[in-house]
Amino acid sequence: MGKGTWEYLWELIGEALSVGLAMVGSVLAGAVFGWFLDEKLFHGRTSPWFTVIGIGLGAAGGIKNVFYFQRRMNPPKDEEE
């Protein structure tokens, strides 16, 4: 494998890791924010509802990020060409 091949391989690994970390980070951030609302702000009276909502919103944000990364890696071709 030549130097160019290794650079391309590491570029692909970096892109894959960024997609995975964006997905996990979004869900984790939503879960932590929901837990904070449940336990610290409402003193457990709303538990587990804000945590579940936070996980759902985090998953939705993570899926949006996956589509964003996919579009960035494979930009749409102009239909005029």
PDB file of N, CA and C in Angstrom:
ATOM      1  N   MET A   1       0.843  -1.185   0.000  1.00  0.00           N
ATOM      2  CA  MET A   1       0.000   0.000   0.000  1.00  0.00           C
ATOM      3  C   MET A   1       0.880   1.237   0.000  1.00  0.00           C
ATOM      4  N   GLY A   2       0.609   2.119  -0.930  1.00  0.00           N
ATOM      5  CA  GLY A   2       1.383   3.346  -1.034  1.00  0.00           C
ATOM      6  C   GLY A   2       0.934   4.387  -0.023  1.00  0.00           C
ATOM      7  N   LYS A   3       1.686   5.463   0.005  1.00  0.00           N
ATOM      8  CA  LYS A   3       1.388   6.532   0.951  1.00  0.00           C
ATOM      9  C   LYS A   3       0.005   7.126   0.700  1.00  0.00           C
ATOM     10  N   GLY A   4      -0.371   7.301  -0.557  1.00  0.00           N
ATOM     11  CA  GLY A   4      -1.684   7.853  -0.891  1.00  0.00           C
ATOM     12  C   GLY A   4      -2.825   6.958  -0.427  1.00  0.00           C
ATOM     13  N   THR A   5      -2.605   5.641  -0.492  1.00  0.00           N
ATOM     14  CA  THR A   5      -3.627   4.698  -0.055  1.00  0.00           C
ATOM     15  C   THR A   5      -3.840   4.790   1.445  1.00  0.00           C
ATOM     16  N   TRP A   6      -2.752   4.901   2.198  1.00  0.00           N
ATOM     17  CA  TRP A   6      -2.869   5.024   3.654  1.00  0.00           C
ATOM     18  C   TRP A   6      -3.582   6.316   4.037  1.00  0.00           C
ATOM     19  N   GLU A   7      -3.256   7.398   3.344  1.00  0.00           N
ATOM     20  CA  GLU A   7      -3.921   8.674   3.645  1.00  0.00           C
ATOM     21  C   GLU A   7      -5.413   8.579   3.378  1.00  0.00           C
ATOM     22  N   TYR A   8      -5.781   7.944   2.284  1.00  0.00           N
ATOM     23  CA  TYR A   8      -7.195   7.773   1.952  1.00  0.00           C
ATOM     24  C   TYR A   8      -7.887   6.892   2.993  1.00  0.00           C
ATOM     25  N   LEU A   9      -7.209   5.832   3.420  1.00  0.00           N
ATOM     26  CA  LEU A   9      -7.768   4.934   4.427  1.00  0.00           C
ATOM     27  C   LEU A   9      -8.012   5.666   5.736  1.00  0.00           C
ATOM     28  N   TRP A  10      -7.049   6.460   6.180  1.00  0.00           N
ATOM     29  CA  TRP A  10      -7.213   7.207   7.428  1.00  0.00           C
ATOM     30  C   TRP A  10      -8.294   8.273   7.298  1.00  0.00           C
ATOM     31  N   GLU A  11      -8.432   8.831   6.110  1.00  0.00           N
ATOM     32  CA  GLU A  11      -9.505   9.804   5.880  1.00  0.00           C
ATOM     33  C   GLU A  11     -10.873   9.133   6.026  1.00  0.00           C
ATOM     34  N   LEU A  12     -11.029   7.939   5.465  1.00  0.00           N
ATOM     35  CA  LEU A  12     -12.285   7.203   5.595  1.00  0.00           C
ATOM     36  C   LEU A  12     -12.565   6.814   7.039  1.00  0.00           C
ATOM     37  N   ILE A  13     -11.534   6.378   7.754  1.00  0.00           N
ATOM     38  CA  ILE A  13     -11.704   6.019   9.160  1.00  0.00           C
ATOM     39  C   ILE A  13     -12.123   7.239   9.969  1.00  0.00           C
ATOM     40  N   GLY A  14     -11.511   8.378   9.698  1.00  0.00           N
ATOM     41  CA  GLY A  14     -11.869   9.609  10.402  1.00  0.00           C
ATOM     42  C   GLY A  14     -13.305  10.027  10.145  1.00  0.00           C
ATOM     43  N   GLU A  15     -13.749   9.904   8.899  1.00  0.00           N
ATOM     44  CA  GLU A  15     -15.132  10.253   8.575  1.00  0.00           C
ATOM     45  C   GLU A  15     -16.106   9.299   9.254  1.00  0.00           C
ATOM     46  N   ALA A  16     -15.789   8.015   9.272  1.00  0.00           N
ATOM     47  CA  ALA A  16     -16.667   7.041   9.922  1.00  0.00           C
ATOM     48  C   ALA A  16     -16.739   7.291  11.426  1.00  0.00           C
ATOM     49  N   LEU A  17     -15.604   7.603  12.031  1.00  0.00           N
ATOM     50  CA  LEU A  17     -15.603   7.899  13.463  1.00  0.00           C
ATOM     51  C   LEU A  17     -16.389   9.161  13.773  1.00  0.00           C
ATOM     52  N   SER A  18     -16.297  10.164  12.929  1.00  0.00           N
ATOM     53  CA  SER A  18     -17.032  11.399  13.195  1.00  0.00           C
ATOM     54  C   SER A  18     -18.534  11.166  13.102  1.00  0.00           C
ATOM     55  N   VAL A  19     -18.984  10.320  12.189  1.00  0.00           N
ATOM     56  CA  VAL A  19     -20.411  10.000  12.094  1.00  0.00           C
ATOM     57  C   VAL A  19     -20.857   9.252  13.349  1.00  0.00           C
ATOM     58  N   GLY A  20     -20.091   8.261  13.757  1.00  0.00           N
ATOM     59  CA  GLY A  20     -20.444   7.486  14.950  1.00  0.00           C
ATOM     60  C   GLY A  20     -20.448   8.324  16.209  1.00  0.00           C
ATOM     61  N   LEU A  21     -19.438   9.159  16.363  1.00  0.00           N
ATOM     62  CA  LEU A  21     -19.377  10.005  17.553  1.00  0.00           C
ATOM     63  C   LEU A  21     -20.494  11.038  17.568  1.00  0.00           C
ATOM     64  N   ALA A  22     -20.870  11.549  16.409  1.00  0.00           N
ATOM     65  CA  ALA A  22     -21.981  12.506  16.346  1.00  0.00           C
ATOM     66  C   ALA A  22     -23.281  11.835  16.765  1.00  0.00           C
ATOM     67  N   MET A  23     -23.503  10.611  16.340  1.00  0.00           N
ATOM     68  CA  MET A  23     -24.726   9.892  16.704  1.00  0.00           C
ATOM     69  C   MET A  23     -24.755   9.599  18.201  1.00  0.00           C
ATOM     70  N   VAL A  24     -23.686   9.036  18.720  1.00  0.00           N
ATOM     71  CA  VAL A  24     -23.628   8.699  20.142  1.00  0.00           C
ATOM     72  C   VAL A  24     -23.671   9.962  20.995  1.00  0.00           C
ATOM     73  N   GLY A  25     -22.949  10.985  20.584  1.00  0.00           N
ATOM     74  CA  GLY A  25     -22.926  12.232  21.342  1.00  0.00           C
ATOM     75  C   GLY A  25     -24.280  12.905  21.408  1.00  0.00           C
ATOM     76  N   SER A  26     -25.031  12.867  20.323  1.00  0.00           N
ATOM     77  CA  SER A  26     -26.362  13.475  20.314  1.00  0.00           C
ATOM     78  C   SER A  26     -27.304  12.756  21.270  1.00  0.00           C
ATOM     79  N   VAL A  27     -27.307  11.436  21.229  1.00  0.00           N
ATOM     80  CA  VAL A  27     -28.175  10.664  22.119  1.00  0.00           C
ATOM     81  C   VAL A  27     -27.751  10.859  23.571  1.00  0.00           C
ATOM     82  N   LEU A  28     -26.454  10.835  23.823  1.00  0.00           N
ATOM     83  CA  LEU A  28     -25.960  11.017  25.186  1.00  0.00           C
ATOM     84  C   LEU A  28     -26.286  12.407  25.722  1.00  0.00           C
ATOM     85  N   ALA A  29     -26.121  13.427  24.896  1.00  0.00           N
ATOM     86  CA  ALA A  29     -26.446  14.790  25.328  1.00  0.00           C
ATOM     87  C   ALA A  29     -27.936  14.918  25.630  1.00  0.00           C
ATOM     88  N   GLY A  30     -28.786  14.337  24.798  1.00  0.00           N
ATOM     89  CA  GLY A  30     -30.222  14.369  25.058  1.00  0.00           C
ATOM     90  C   GLY A  30     -30.587  13.647  26.339  1.00  0.00           C
ATOM     91  N   ALA A  31     -29.955  12.499  26.590  1.00  0.00           N
ATOM     92  CA  ALA A  31     -30.234  11.740  27.808  1.00  0.00           C
ATOM     93  C   ALA A  31     -29.793  12.506  29.051  1.00  0.00           C
ATOM     94  N   VAL A  32     -28.622  13.101  29.007  1.00  0.00           N
ATOM     95  CA  VAL A  32     -28.116  13.850  30.166  1.00  0.00           C
ATOM     96  C   VAL A  32     -28.977  15.081  30.420  1.00  0.00           C
ATOM     97  N   PHE A  33     -29.351  15.795  29.373  1.00  0.00           N
ATOM     98  CA  PHE A  33     -30.186  16.979  29.544  1.00  0.00           C
ATOM     99  C   PHE A  33     -31.563  16.592  30.090  1.00  0.00           C
ATOM    100  N   GLY A  34     -32.148  15.508  29.575  1.00  0.00           N
ATOM    101  CA  GLY A  34     -33.435  15.035  30.090  1.00  0.00           C
ATOM    102  C   GLY A  34     -33.339  14.601  31.534  1.00  0.00           C
ATOM    103  N   TRP A  35     -32.270  13.893  31.889  1.00  0.00           N
ATOM    104  CA  TRP A  35     -32.073  13.481  33.278  1.00  0.00           C
ATOM    105  C   TRP A  35     -31.940  14.700  34.181  1.00  0.00           C
ATOM    106  N   PHE A  36     -31.195  15.704  33.720  1.00  0.00           N
ATOM    107  CA  PHE A  36     -31.039  16.923  34.511  1.00  0.00           C
ATOM    108  C   PHE A  36     -32.395  17.580  34.761  1.00  0.00           C
ATOM    109  N   LEU A  37     -33.217  17.675  33.726  1.00  0.00           N
ATOM    110  CA  LEU A  37     -34.544  18.267  33.911  1.00  0.00           C
ATOM    111  C   LEU A  37     -35.379  17.450  34.891  1.00  0.00           C
ATOM    112  N   ASP A  38     -35.359  16.125  34.744  1.00  0.00           N
ATOM    113  CA  ASP A  38     -36.147  15.267  35.633  1.00  0.00           C
ATOM    114  C   ASP A  38     -35.692  15.357  37.082  1.00  0.00           C
ATOM    115  N   GLU A  39     -34.409  15.161  37.303  1.00  0.00           N
ATOM    116  CA  GLU A  39     -33.912  14.995  38.669  1.00  0.00           C
ATOM    117  C   GLU A  39     -33.560  16.298  39.368  1.00  0.00           C
ATOM    118  N   LYS A  40     -32.954  17.210  38.684  1.00  0.00           N
ATOM    119  CA  LYS A  40     -32.458  18.415  39.347  1.00  0.00           C
ATOM    120  C   LYS A  40     -33.458  19.565  39.305  1.00  0.00           C
ATOM    121  N   LEU A  41     -34.149  19.723  38.191  1.00  0.00           N
ATOM    122  CA  LEU A  41     -35.064  20.850  38.061  1.00  0.00           C
ATOM    123  C   LEU A  41     -36.436  20.532  38.656  1.00  0.00           C
ATOM    124  N   PHE A  42     -36.948  19.330  38.378  1.00  0.00           N
ATOM    125  CA  PHE A  42     -38.274  18.953  38.871  1.00  0.00           C
ATOM    126  C   PHE A  42     -38.204  17.952  40.019  1.00  0.00           C
ATOM    127  N   HIS A  43     -37.036  17.678  40.566  1.00  0.00           N
ATOM    128  CA  HIS A  43     -36.809  16.841  41.753  1.00  0.00           C
ATOM    129  C   HIS A  43     -37.451  15.459  41.641  1.00  0.00           C
ATOM    130  N   GLY A  44     -37.383  14.860  40.462  1.00  0.00           N
ATOM    131  CA  GLY A  44     -37.852  13.494  40.263  1.00  0.00           C
ATOM    132  C   GLY A  44     -39.347  13.350  40.053  1.00  0.00           C
ATOM    133  N   ARG A  45     -40.102  14.439  40.078  1.00  0.00           N
ATOM    134  CA  ARG A  45     -41.562  14.341  39.910  1.00  0.00           C
ATOM    135  C   ARG A  45     -41.946  13.961  38.484  1.00  0.00           C
ATOM    136  N   THR A  46     -41.123  14.291  37.530  1.00  0.00           N
ATOM    137  CA  THR A  46     -41.442  13.992  36.130  1.00  0.00           C
ATOM    138  C   THR A  46     -40.666  12.796  35.590  1.00  0.00           C
ATOM    139  N   SER A  47     -39.896  12.152  36.448  1.00  0.00           N
ATOM    140  CA  SER A  47     -39.046  11.045  36.009  1.00  0.00           C
ATOM    141  C   SER A  47     -39.900   9.914  35.464  1.00  0.00           C
ATOM    142  N   PRO A  48     -39.581   9.311  34.403  1.00  0.00           N
ATOM    143  CA  PRO A  48     -38.477   9.398  33.461  1.00  0.00           C
ATOM    144  C   PRO A  48     -38.841  10.154  32.190  1.00  0.00           C
ATOM    145  N   TRP A  49     -39.879  10.959  32.196  1.00  0.00           N
ATOM    146  CA  TRP A  49     -40.420  11.506  30.959  1.00  0.00           C
ATOM    147  C   TRP A  49     -39.461  12.418  30.215  1.00  0.00           C
ATOM    148  N   PHE A  50     -38.831  13.345  30.889  1.00  0.00           N
ATOM    149  CA  PHE A  50     -37.908  14.231  30.179  1.00  0.00           C
ATOM    150  C   PHE A  50     -36.672  13.474  29.691  1.00  0.00           C
ATOM    151  N   THR A  51     -36.273  12.438  30.425  1.00  0.00           N
ATOM    152  CA  THR A  51     -35.146  11.622  29.971  1.00  0.00           C
ATOM    153  C   THR A  51     -35.504  10.897  28.673  1.00  0.00           C
ATOM    154  N   VAL A  52     -36.695  10.325  28.624  1.00  0.00           N
ATOM    155  CA  VAL A  52     -37.139   9.620  27.415  1.00  0.00           C
ATOM    156  C   VAL A  52     -37.263  10.598  26.248  1.00  0.00           C
ATOM    157  N   ILE A  53     -37.846  11.771  26.509  1.00  0.00           N
ATOM    158  CA  ILE A  53     -37.975  12.789  25.459  1.00  0.00           C
ATOM    159  C   ILE A  53     -36.590  13.239  24.987  1.00  0.00           C
ATOM    160  N   GLY A  54     -35.658  13.424  25.928  1.00  0.00           N
ATOM    161  CA  GLY A  54     -34.298  13.824  25.570  1.00  0.00           C
ATOM    162  C   GLY A  54     -33.597  12.783  24.717  1.00  0.00           C
ATOM    163  N   ILE A  55     -33.784  11.510  25.059  1.00  0.00           N
ATOM    164  CA  ILE A  55     -33.181  10.444  24.253  1.00  0.00           C
ATOM    165  C   ILE A  55     -33.777  10.451  22.850  1.00  0.00           C
ATOM    166  N   GLY A  56     -35.094  10.631  22.760  1.00  0.00           N
ATOM    167  CA  GLY A  56     -35.744  10.679  21.441  1.00  0.00           C
ATOM    168  C   GLY A  56     -35.262  11.843  20.600  1.00  0.00           C
ATOM    169  N   LEU A  57     -35.178  13.021  21.221  1.00  0.00           N
ATOM    170  CA  LEU A  57     -34.693  14.191  20.481  1.00  0.00           C
ATOM    171  C   LEU A  57     -33.219  14.038  20.106  1.00  0.00           C
ATOM    172  N   GLY A  58     -32.430  13.441  21.005  1.00  0.00           N
ATOM    173  CA  GLY A  58     -31.029  13.193  20.689  1.00  0.00           C
ATOM    174  C   GLY A  58     -30.873  12.216  19.537  1.00  0.00           C
ATOM    175  N   ALA A  59     -31.713  11.173  19.511  1.00  0.00           N
ATOM    176  CA  ALA A  59     -31.665  10.215  18.403  1.00  0.00           C
ATOM    177  C   ALA A  59     -32.057  10.888  17.093  1.00  0.00           C
ATOM    178  N   ALA A  60     -33.076  11.744  17.143  1.00  0.00           N
ATOM    179  CA  ALA A  60     -33.485  12.465  15.932  1.00  0.00           C
ATOM    180  C   ALA A  60     -32.358  13.376  15.445  1.00  0.00           C
ATOM    181  N   GLY A  61     -31.710  14.063  16.379  1.00  0.00           N
ATOM    182  CA  GLY A  61     -30.576  14.907  16.002  1.00  0.00           C
ATOM    183  C   GLY A  61     -29.416  14.096  15.456  1.00  0.00           C
ATOM    184  N   GLY A  62     -29.173  12.919  16.038  1.00  0.00           N
ATOM    185  CA  GLY A  62     -28.116  12.052  15.538  1.00  0.00           C
ATOM    186  C   GLY A  62     -28.391  11.552  14.132  1.00  0.00           C
ATOM    187  N   ILE A  63     -29.644  11.197  13.857  1.00  0.00           N
ATOM    188  CA  ILE A  63     -30.009  10.754  12.512  1.00  0.00           C
ATOM    189  C   ILE A  63     -29.848  11.898  11.519  1.00  0.00           C
ATOM    190  N   LYS A  64     -30.228  13.111  11.938  1.00  0.00           N
ATOM    191  CA  LYS A  64     -30.043  14.281  11.077  1.00  0.00           C
ATOM    192  C   LYS A  64     -28.559  14.481  10.777  1.00  0.00           C
ATOM    193  N   ASN A  65     -27.715  14.277  11.780  1.00  0.00           N
ATOM    194  CA  ASN A  65     -26.274  14.410  11.564  1.00  0.00           C
ATOM    195  C   ASN A  65     -25.745  13.354  10.598  1.00  0.00           C
ATOM    196  N   VAL A  66     -26.279  12.142  10.666  1.00  0.00           N
ATOM    197  CA  VAL A  66     -25.856  11.092   9.732  1.00  0.00           C
ATOM    198  C   VAL A  66     -26.180  11.508   8.300  1.00  0.00           C
ATOM    199  N   PHE A  67     -27.389  12.055   8.081  1.00  0.00           N
ATOM    200  CA  PHE A  67     -27.745  12.521   6.739  1.00  0.00           C
ATOM    201  C   PHE A  67     -26.876  13.700   6.315  1.00  0.00           C
ATOM    202  N   TYR A  68     -26.547  14.577   7.268  1.00  0.00           N
ATOM    203  CA  TYR A  68     -25.664  15.707   6.963  1.00  0.00           C
ATOM    204  C   TYR A  68     -24.292  15.209   6.512  1.00  0.00           C
ATOM    205  N   PHE A  69     -23.718  14.250   7.245  1.00  0.00           N
ATOM    206  CA  PHE A  69     -22.411  13.715   6.876  1.00  0.00           C
ATOM    207  C   PHE A  69     -22.478  12.986   5.539  1.00  0.00           C
ATOM    208  N   GLN A  70     -23.578  12.263   5.300  1.00  0.00           N
ATOM    209  CA  GLN A  70     -23.719  11.547   4.033  1.00  0.00           C
ATOM    210  C   GLN A  70     -23.763  12.526   2.871  1.00  0.00           C
ATOM    211  N   ARG A  71     -24.495  13.620   3.040  1.00  0.00           N
ATOM    212  CA  ARG A  71     -24.579  14.610   1.966  1.00  0.00           C
ATOM    213  C   ARG A  71     -23.227  15.304   1.776  1.00  0.00           C
ATOM    214  N   ARG A  72     -22.501  15.536   2.858  1.00  0.00           N
ATOM    215  CA  ARG A  72     -21.196  16.186   2.750  1.00  0.00           C
ATOM    216  C   ARG A  72     -20.186  15.283   2.049  1.00  0.00           C
ATOM    217  N   MET A  73     -20.261  13.976   2.303  1.00  0.00           N
ATOM    218  CA  MET A  73     -19.324  13.050   1.675  1.00  0.00           C
ATOM    219  C   MET A  73     -19.697  12.762   0.227  1.00  0.00           C
ATOM    220  N   ASN A  74     -20.987  12.809  -0.092  1.00  0.00           N
ATOM    221  CA  ASN A  74     -21.475  12.546  -1.453  1.00  0.00           C
ATOM    222  C   ASN A  74     -22.383  13.689  -1.878  1.00  0.00           C
ATOM    223  N   PRO A  75     -21.815  14.824  -2.261  1.00  0.00           N
ATOM    224  CA  PRO A  75     -22.666  15.965  -2.623  1.00  0.00           C
ATOM    225  C   PRO A  75     -23.525  15.648  -3.844  1.00  0.00           C
ATOM    226  N   PRO A  76     -24.766  16.172  -3.856  1.00  0.00           N
ATOM    227  CA  PRO A  76     -25.627  15.906  -5.016  1.00  0.00           C
ATOM    228  C   PRO A  76     -25.074  16.568  -6.269  1.00  0.00           C
ATOM    229  N   LYS A  77     -25.214  15.878  -7.375  1.00  0.00           N
ATOM    230  CA  LYS A  77     -24.737  16.418  -8.645  1.00  0.00           C
ATOM    231  C   LYS A  77     -25.787  17.365  -9.199  1.00  0.00           C
ATOM    232  N   ASP A  78     -25.333  18.415  -9.856  1.00  0.00           N
ATOM    233  CA  ASP A  78     -26.262  19.356 -10.479  1.00  0.00           C
ATOM    234  C   ASP A  78     -27.022  18.645 -11.594  1.00  0.00           C
ATOM    235  N   GLU A  79     -28.315  18.887 -11.643  1.00  0.00           N
ATOM    236  CA  GLU A  79     -29.133  18.245 -12.667  1.00  0.00           C
ATOM    237  C   GLU A  79     -28.929  18.879 -14.037  1.00  0.00           C
ATOM    238  N   GLU A  80     -28.335  20.080 -14.080  1.00  0.00           N
ATOM    239  CA  GLU A  80     -28.121  20.770 -15.345  1.00  0.00           C
ATOM    240  C   GLU A  80     -27.001  20.150 -16.159  1.00  0.00           C
ATOM    241  N   GLU A  81     -26.090  19.447 -15.524  1.00  0.00           N
ATOM    242  CA  GLU A  81     -24.931  18.885 -16.227  1.00  0.00           C
ATOM    243  C   GLU A  81     -25.293  17.684 -17.054  1.00  0.00           C
TER     244      GLU A  81
END
